[in-house]
N, C-alpha and C. Protein backbone atom coordinates (compact mmCIF):
# COMPACT_ATOMS: atom_id res chain seq x y z
N UNK A 1 13.03 7.83 21.22
CA UNK A 1 12.50 8.41 19.99
C UNK A 1 11.04 8.81 20.21
N UNK A 2 10.60 9.79 19.47
CA UNK A 2 9.22 10.23 19.64
C UNK A 2 8.31 9.62 18.58
N UNK A 3 7.04 9.76 18.81
CA UNK A 3 6.06 9.14 17.91
C UNK A 3 6.05 9.78 16.53
N UNK A 4 6.48 11.03 16.39
CA UNK A 4 6.51 11.67 15.07
C UNK A 4 7.42 10.90 14.12
N UNK A 5 8.54 10.42 14.64
CA UNK A 5 9.47 9.65 13.81
C UNK A 5 8.82 8.38 13.27
N UNK A 6 7.93 7.78 14.05
CA UNK A 6 7.24 6.56 13.62
C UNK A 6 6.04 6.88 12.74
N UNK A 7 5.35 7.95 13.03
CA UNK A 7 4.12 8.25 12.30
C UNK A 7 4.35 8.96 10.97
N UNK A 8 5.55 9.48 10.76
CA UNK A 8 5.84 10.12 9.47
C UNK A 8 5.74 9.13 8.31
N UNK A 9 6.35 7.93 8.38
CA UNK A 9 6.16 6.99 7.27
C UNK A 9 4.71 6.52 7.12
N UNK A 10 3.94 6.53 8.19
CA UNK A 10 2.52 6.22 8.10
C UNK A 10 1.83 7.24 7.20
N UNK A 11 2.12 8.51 7.45
CA UNK A 11 1.51 9.58 6.64
C UNK A 11 2.02 9.56 5.21
N UNK A 12 3.29 9.22 5.03
CA UNK A 12 3.84 9.11 3.67
C UNK A 12 3.09 8.03 2.88
N UNK A 13 2.87 6.88 3.49
CA UNK A 13 2.16 5.81 2.79
C UNK A 13 0.69 6.18 2.56
N UNK A 14 0.07 6.85 3.52
CA UNK A 14 -1.31 7.31 3.32
C UNK A 14 -1.37 8.31 2.16
N UNK A 15 -0.41 9.22 2.10
CA UNK A 15 -0.35 10.17 0.99
C UNK A 15 -0.13 9.47 -0.34
N UNK A 16 0.75 8.45 -0.33
CA UNK A 16 1.00 7.68 -1.55
C UNK A 16 -0.28 6.99 -2.03
N UNK A 17 -1.07 6.49 -1.09
CA UNK A 17 -2.33 5.84 -1.45
C UNK A 17 -3.24 6.83 -2.18
N UNK A 18 -3.24 8.07 -1.76
CA UNK A 18 -4.04 9.09 -2.45
C UNK A 18 -3.47 9.40 -3.83
N UNK A 19 -2.15 9.37 -3.97
CA UNK A 19 -1.54 9.54 -5.30
C UNK A 19 -2.02 8.43 -6.24
N UNK A 20 -2.04 7.20 -5.75
CA UNK A 20 -2.50 6.08 -6.57
C UNK A 20 -3.98 6.24 -6.90
N UNK A 21 -4.78 6.75 -5.97
CA UNK A 21 -6.19 6.99 -6.24
C UNK A 21 -6.36 8.00 -7.38
N UNK A 22 -5.58 9.06 -7.36
CA UNK A 22 -5.63 10.05 -8.44
C UNK A 22 -5.19 9.41 -9.75
N UNK A 23 -4.12 8.61 -9.71
CA UNK A 23 -3.63 7.90 -10.90
C UNK A 23 -4.73 6.98 -11.43
N UNK A 24 -5.44 6.31 -10.53
CA UNK A 24 -6.53 5.42 -10.93
C UNK A 24 -7.59 6.20 -11.70
N UNK A 25 -8.04 7.31 -11.14
CA UNK A 25 -9.06 8.10 -11.83
C UNK A 25 -8.55 8.68 -13.15
N UNK A 26 -7.29 9.10 -13.15
CA UNK A 26 -6.71 9.70 -14.36
C UNK A 26 -6.58 8.70 -15.49
N UNK A 27 -6.51 7.42 -15.17
CA UNK A 27 -6.40 6.40 -16.22
C UNK A 27 -7.72 5.70 -16.49
N UNK A 28 -8.49 5.42 -15.45
CA UNK A 28 -9.72 4.64 -15.63
C UNK A 28 -10.81 5.43 -16.35
N UNK A 29 -11.03 6.67 -15.98
CA UNK A 29 -12.11 7.44 -16.60
C UNK A 29 -11.88 7.58 -18.10
N UNK A 30 -10.68 7.97 -18.57
CA UNK A 30 -10.47 8.03 -20.02
C UNK A 30 -10.60 6.65 -20.70
N UNK A 31 -10.14 5.61 -20.03
CA UNK A 31 -10.25 4.26 -20.62
C UNK A 31 -11.71 3.85 -20.76
N UNK A 32 -12.52 4.17 -19.76
CA UNK A 32 -13.94 3.84 -19.85
C UNK A 32 -14.62 4.66 -20.94
N UNK A 33 -14.23 5.91 -21.06
CA UNK A 33 -14.81 6.75 -22.12
C UNK A 33 -14.41 6.22 -23.49
N UNK A 34 -13.15 5.86 -23.65
CA UNK A 34 -12.67 5.33 -24.93
C UNK A 34 -13.38 4.03 -25.30
N UNK A 35 -13.63 3.18 -24.31
CA UNK A 35 -14.31 1.90 -24.55
C UNK A 35 -15.83 2.06 -24.57
N UNK A 36 -16.29 3.29 -24.39
CA UNK A 36 -17.72 3.59 -24.36
C UNK A 36 -18.47 2.74 -23.31
N UNK A 37 -17.88 2.71 -22.13
CA UNK A 37 -18.47 1.97 -21.02
C UNK A 37 -19.28 2.94 -20.16
N UNK A 38 -20.53 2.65 -19.99
CA UNK A 38 -21.38 3.42 -19.09
C UNK A 38 -21.06 2.98 -17.66
N UNK A 39 -20.77 3.90 -16.74
CA UNK A 39 -20.45 3.51 -15.37
C UNK A 39 -21.51 2.60 -14.74
N UNK A 40 -22.75 2.76 -15.14
CA UNK A 40 -23.83 1.92 -14.61
C UNK A 40 -23.63 0.45 -14.99
N UNK A 41 -22.92 0.19 -16.09
CA UNK A 41 -22.66 -1.18 -16.53
C UNK A 41 -21.80 -1.96 -15.53
N UNK A 42 -21.08 -1.25 -14.66
CA UNK A 42 -20.24 -1.91 -13.67
C UNK A 42 -21.07 -2.74 -12.69
N UNK A 43 -22.32 -2.42 -12.55
CA UNK A 43 -23.20 -3.18 -11.66
C UNK A 43 -23.50 -4.57 -12.20
N UNK A 44 -23.31 -4.76 -13.50
CA UNK A 44 -23.72 -6.02 -14.13
C UNK A 44 -22.58 -6.99 -14.36
N UNK A 45 -21.42 -6.71 -13.81
CA UNK A 45 -20.34 -7.68 -13.96
C UNK A 45 -18.98 -7.06 -14.10
N UNK A 46 -18.04 -7.91 -14.40
CA UNK A 46 -16.63 -7.54 -14.50
C UNK A 46 -16.37 -6.83 -15.82
N UNK A 47 -15.82 -5.64 -15.72
CA UNK A 47 -15.50 -4.85 -16.91
C UNK A 47 -14.03 -4.97 -17.30
N UNK A 48 -13.28 -5.82 -16.60
CA UNK A 48 -11.83 -5.85 -16.81
C UNK A 48 -11.44 -6.22 -18.23
N UNK A 49 -12.25 -7.00 -18.91
CA UNK A 49 -11.89 -7.37 -20.29
C UNK A 49 -12.03 -6.18 -21.24
N UNK A 50 -12.73 -5.15 -20.82
CA UNK A 50 -12.94 -3.98 -21.68
C UNK A 50 -11.98 -2.84 -21.37
N UNK A 51 -11.22 -2.98 -20.28
CA UNK A 51 -10.29 -1.93 -19.86
C UNK A 51 -8.87 -2.46 -20.03
N UNK A 52 -7.97 -1.66 -20.58
CA UNK A 52 -6.58 -2.12 -20.80
C UNK A 52 -5.89 -2.55 -19.50
N UNK A 53 -4.98 -3.51 -19.63
CA UNK A 53 -4.24 -4.04 -18.49
C UNK A 53 -3.53 -2.94 -17.72
N UNK A 54 -2.89 -2.00 -18.41
CA UNK A 54 -2.17 -0.91 -17.74
C UNK A 54 -3.09 -0.13 -16.80
N UNK A 55 -4.34 0.02 -17.19
CA UNK A 55 -5.31 0.75 -16.38
C UNK A 55 -5.75 -0.12 -15.20
N UNK A 56 -5.99 -1.39 -15.44
CA UNK A 56 -6.40 -2.32 -14.38
C UNK A 56 -5.32 -2.47 -13.32
N UNK A 57 -4.05 -2.44 -13.73
CA UNK A 57 -2.94 -2.59 -12.78
C UNK A 57 -2.96 -1.49 -11.73
N UNK A 58 -3.28 -0.27 -12.14
CA UNK A 58 -3.33 0.84 -11.19
C UNK A 58 -4.50 0.63 -10.21
N UNK A 59 -5.65 0.21 -10.72
CA UNK A 59 -6.80 -0.06 -9.86
C UNK A 59 -6.49 -1.21 -8.91
N UNK A 60 -5.84 -2.24 -9.41
CA UNK A 60 -5.47 -3.37 -8.55
C UNK A 60 -4.52 -2.92 -7.46
N UNK A 61 -3.57 -2.04 -7.80
CA UNK A 61 -2.63 -1.57 -6.80
C UNK A 61 -3.33 -0.75 -5.73
N UNK A 62 -4.28 0.08 -6.13
CA UNK A 62 -5.04 0.84 -5.13
C UNK A 62 -5.71 -0.12 -4.16
N UNK A 63 -6.31 -1.18 -4.68
CA UNK A 63 -6.92 -2.19 -3.81
C UNK A 63 -5.90 -2.82 -2.89
N UNK A 64 -4.70 -3.10 -3.41
CA UNK A 64 -3.65 -3.71 -2.59
C UNK A 64 -3.22 -2.78 -1.46
N UNK A 65 -3.27 -1.47 -1.71
CA UNK A 65 -2.90 -0.51 -0.67
C UNK A 65 -3.98 -0.40 0.42
N UNK A 66 -5.12 -1.03 0.17
CA UNK A 66 -6.18 -1.04 1.19
C UNK A 66 -6.35 -2.43 1.81
N UNK A 67 -5.39 -3.31 1.56
CA UNK A 67 -5.44 -4.66 2.14
C UNK A 67 -4.48 -4.74 3.33
N UNK A 68 -3.19 -4.99 3.12
CA UNK A 68 -2.26 -5.14 4.23
C UNK A 68 -1.87 -3.82 4.91
N UNK A 69 -1.72 -2.71 4.20
CA UNK A 69 -1.29 -1.48 4.88
C UNK A 69 -2.15 -1.05 6.07
N UNK A 70 -3.47 -1.29 6.11
CA UNK A 70 -4.18 -0.93 7.34
C UNK A 70 -3.64 -1.64 8.59
N UNK A 71 -3.12 -2.85 8.43
CA UNK A 71 -2.48 -3.52 9.56
C UNK A 71 -1.23 -2.74 9.97
N UNK A 72 -0.45 -2.29 9.00
CA UNK A 72 0.72 -1.45 9.28
C UNK A 72 0.30 -0.20 10.04
N UNK A 73 -0.76 0.47 9.58
CA UNK A 73 -1.22 1.67 10.26
C UNK A 73 -1.58 1.37 11.71
N UNK A 74 -2.31 0.28 11.93
CA UNK A 74 -2.72 -0.09 13.28
C UNK A 74 -1.52 -0.40 14.17
N UNK A 75 -0.56 -1.14 13.62
CA UNK A 75 0.63 -1.50 14.39
C UNK A 75 1.42 -0.24 14.76
N UNK A 76 1.64 0.63 13.79
CA UNK A 76 2.40 1.85 14.07
C UNK A 76 1.69 2.72 15.09
N UNK A 77 0.38 2.87 14.95
CA UNK A 77 -0.37 3.67 15.92
C UNK A 77 -0.33 3.04 17.31
N UNK A 78 -0.45 1.72 17.38
CA UNK A 78 -0.39 1.04 18.68
C UNK A 78 0.97 1.26 19.34
N UNK A 79 2.04 1.13 18.58
CA UNK A 79 3.38 1.34 19.12
C UNK A 79 3.52 2.78 19.63
N UNK A 80 3.03 3.74 18.84
CA UNK A 80 3.12 5.14 19.24
C UNK A 80 2.31 5.42 20.49
N UNK A 81 1.09 4.91 20.55
CA UNK A 81 0.21 5.16 21.69
C UNK A 81 0.78 4.55 22.96
N UNK A 82 1.39 3.38 22.84
CA UNK A 82 1.96 2.72 24.02
C UNK A 82 3.30 3.32 24.43
N UNK A 83 3.81 4.24 23.63
CA UNK A 83 5.06 4.90 23.97
C UNK A 83 6.28 4.01 23.82
N UNK A 84 6.21 3.07 22.90
CA UNK A 84 7.32 2.12 22.70
C UNK A 84 8.11 2.39 21.43
N UNK A 85 8.11 3.60 20.95
CA UNK A 85 8.82 3.91 19.71
C UNK A 85 10.32 3.77 19.94
N UNK A 86 10.95 2.95 19.09
CA UNK A 86 12.39 2.79 19.12
C UNK A 86 12.91 2.75 17.69
N UNK A 87 14.21 2.60 17.54
CA UNK A 87 14.81 2.60 16.21
C UNK A 87 14.28 1.46 15.34
N UNK A 88 14.06 0.30 15.93
CA UNK A 88 13.56 -0.83 15.15
C UNK A 88 12.18 -0.51 14.57
N UNK A 89 11.31 0.09 15.37
CA UNK A 89 9.98 0.46 14.89
C UNK A 89 10.06 1.51 13.78
N UNK A 90 10.90 2.51 13.98
CA UNK A 90 11.01 3.59 13.00
C UNK A 90 11.62 3.07 11.69
N UNK A 91 12.72 2.34 11.78
CA UNK A 91 13.33 1.81 10.56
C UNK A 91 12.40 0.80 9.88
N UNK A 92 11.69 0.01 10.68
CA UNK A 92 10.73 -0.93 10.13
C UNK A 92 9.61 -0.21 9.39
N UNK A 93 9.13 0.88 9.98
CA UNK A 93 8.05 1.65 9.35
C UNK A 93 8.51 2.29 8.04
N UNK A 94 9.73 2.85 8.04
CA UNK A 94 10.24 3.43 6.80
C UNK A 94 10.48 2.36 5.74
N UNK A 95 10.99 1.22 6.17
CA UNK A 95 11.20 0.12 5.22
C UNK A 95 9.86 -0.32 4.63
N UNK A 96 8.87 -0.48 5.50
CA UNK A 96 7.55 -0.91 5.02
C UNK A 96 6.99 0.09 4.02
N UNK A 97 6.97 1.37 4.38
CA UNK A 97 6.40 2.39 3.49
C UNK A 97 7.17 2.46 2.18
N UNK A 98 8.49 2.47 2.25
CA UNK A 98 9.30 2.55 1.03
C UNK A 98 9.11 1.34 0.13
N UNK A 99 9.08 0.16 0.72
CA UNK A 99 8.89 -1.05 -0.08
C UNK A 99 7.50 -1.11 -0.70
N UNK A 100 6.49 -0.62 0.00
CA UNK A 100 5.13 -0.60 -0.57
C UNK A 100 5.05 0.42 -1.72
N UNK A 101 5.76 1.52 -1.60
CA UNK A 101 5.78 2.49 -2.70
C UNK A 101 6.47 1.87 -3.91
N UNK A 102 7.60 1.19 -3.69
CA UNK A 102 8.26 0.49 -4.80
C UNK A 102 7.36 -0.57 -5.40
N UNK A 103 6.64 -1.31 -4.56
CA UNK A 103 5.67 -2.32 -5.01
C UNK A 103 4.65 -1.67 -5.95
N UNK A 104 4.14 -0.50 -5.56
CA UNK A 104 3.19 0.22 -6.40
C UNK A 104 3.79 0.59 -7.74
N UNK A 105 5.00 1.10 -7.70
CA UNK A 105 5.63 1.53 -8.95
C UNK A 105 5.85 0.36 -9.90
N UNK A 106 6.24 -0.79 -9.35
CA UNK A 106 6.40 -1.98 -10.18
C UNK A 106 5.05 -2.38 -10.76
N UNK A 107 4.04 -2.47 -9.92
CA UNK A 107 2.74 -2.94 -10.39
C UNK A 107 2.11 -1.98 -11.39
N UNK A 108 2.29 -0.70 -11.19
CA UNK A 108 1.63 0.29 -12.05
C UNK A 108 2.41 0.61 -13.32
N UNK A 109 3.64 0.12 -13.42
CA UNK A 109 4.43 0.43 -14.62
C UNK A 109 4.75 -0.84 -15.39
N UNK A 110 5.86 -1.47 -15.11
CA UNK A 110 6.27 -2.61 -15.94
C UNK A 110 5.75 -3.96 -15.45
N UNK A 111 5.31 -4.06 -14.24
CA UNK A 111 4.59 -5.18 -13.64
C UNK A 111 5.20 -6.57 -13.87
N UNK A 112 6.42 -6.73 -13.39
CA UNK A 112 7.02 -8.07 -13.32
C UNK A 112 6.55 -8.68 -12.00
N UNK A 113 5.79 -9.74 -12.08
CA UNK A 113 5.15 -10.32 -10.91
C UNK A 113 6.17 -10.72 -9.85
N UNK A 114 7.27 -11.33 -10.24
CA UNK A 114 8.26 -11.77 -9.25
C UNK A 114 8.93 -10.58 -8.56
N UNK A 115 9.11 -9.47 -9.26
CA UNK A 115 9.65 -8.27 -8.62
C UNK A 115 8.64 -7.74 -7.60
N UNK A 116 7.38 -7.69 -8.01
CA UNK A 116 6.33 -7.22 -7.12
C UNK A 116 6.21 -8.13 -5.90
N UNK A 117 6.27 -9.44 -6.13
CA UNK A 117 6.16 -10.40 -5.05
C UNK A 117 7.32 -10.23 -4.06
N UNK A 118 8.53 -10.06 -4.58
CA UNK A 118 9.69 -9.89 -3.71
C UNK A 118 9.53 -8.64 -2.83
N UNK A 119 9.05 -7.56 -3.42
CA UNK A 119 8.83 -6.33 -2.64
C UNK A 119 7.73 -6.53 -1.60
N UNK A 120 6.69 -7.27 -1.97
CA UNK A 120 5.63 -7.56 -1.01
C UNK A 120 6.17 -8.38 0.16
N UNK A 121 6.98 -9.39 -0.15
CA UNK A 121 7.54 -10.24 0.91
C UNK A 121 8.47 -9.44 1.82
N UNK A 122 9.30 -8.59 1.23
CA UNK A 122 10.20 -7.76 2.03
C UNK A 122 9.41 -6.78 2.91
N UNK A 123 8.37 -6.19 2.35
CA UNK A 123 7.56 -5.27 3.16
C UNK A 123 6.85 -6.03 4.28
N UNK A 124 6.39 -7.23 3.98
CA UNK A 124 5.75 -8.05 5.01
C UNK A 124 6.74 -8.40 6.12
N UNK A 125 7.99 -8.66 5.74
CA UNK A 125 9.03 -8.95 6.73
C UNK A 125 9.27 -7.73 7.61
N UNK A 126 9.31 -6.53 7.01
CA UNK A 126 9.50 -5.30 7.79
C UNK A 126 8.35 -5.13 8.79
N UNK A 127 7.14 -5.39 8.35
CA UNK A 127 5.98 -5.31 9.24
C UNK A 127 6.09 -6.37 10.34
N UNK A 128 6.52 -7.56 9.96
CA UNK A 128 6.70 -8.63 10.94
C UNK A 128 7.72 -8.27 12.00
N UNK A 129 8.81 -7.64 11.60
CA UNK A 129 9.82 -7.20 12.57
C UNK A 129 9.22 -6.20 13.55
N UNK A 130 8.43 -5.27 13.03
CA UNK A 130 7.78 -4.30 13.91
C UNK A 130 6.87 -5.00 14.94
N UNK A 131 6.08 -5.95 14.46
CA UNK A 131 5.14 -6.65 15.34
C UNK A 131 5.88 -7.48 16.38
N UNK A 132 6.86 -8.26 15.94
CA UNK A 132 7.61 -9.12 16.88
C UNK A 132 8.35 -8.25 17.90
N UNK A 133 8.96 -7.17 17.46
CA UNK A 133 9.66 -6.26 18.36
C UNK A 133 8.70 -5.74 19.44
N UNK A 134 7.52 -5.36 19.03
CA UNK A 134 6.55 -4.84 20.01
C UNK A 134 6.05 -5.94 20.93
N UNK A 135 5.80 -7.12 20.38
CA UNK A 135 5.34 -8.24 21.23
C UNK A 135 6.39 -8.61 22.27
N UNK A 136 7.66 -8.54 21.88
CA UNK A 136 8.73 -8.82 22.85
C UNK A 136 8.76 -7.77 23.96
N UNK A 137 8.45 -6.53 23.63
CA UNK A 137 8.39 -5.49 24.65
C UNK A 137 7.20 -5.75 25.59
N UNK A 138 6.10 -6.20 25.04
CA UNK A 138 4.90 -6.40 25.83
C UNK A 138 4.96 -7.68 26.68
N UNK A 139 5.52 -8.75 26.11
CA UNK A 139 5.46 -10.04 26.78
C UNK A 139 6.80 -10.69 27.05
N UNK A 140 7.89 -10.07 26.54
CA UNK A 140 9.20 -10.68 26.67
C UNK A 140 9.86 -10.47 28.00
């Protein structure tokens, strides 16, 4: 398999992160205007009590997309650069990206914590499979 097959889900998740960023701005700016919050006030503490939960959930999800997914990006790029792309890596990458997108949709819409947690755990397992598969190629 070629690296394009592995790097496509990387780009899909990166694109999704930008969608969430746009969603964040589209919800946060009007919420701050409605609550009459001066952006400068953010320097003086937590504004979360003044912004509706639905708006905070989108911002929280954007932050979540900048926590574990960079590890996914690094792993996928390392596999591609080393020329070890196989079906396990590609399916793992698509599983990871798809599960993280579902995680976002849960968190940004109806936000059932256990549903979100299950999707996070499944995506973490997909990432783990990718890492273990590559480590076995390197050291097995």
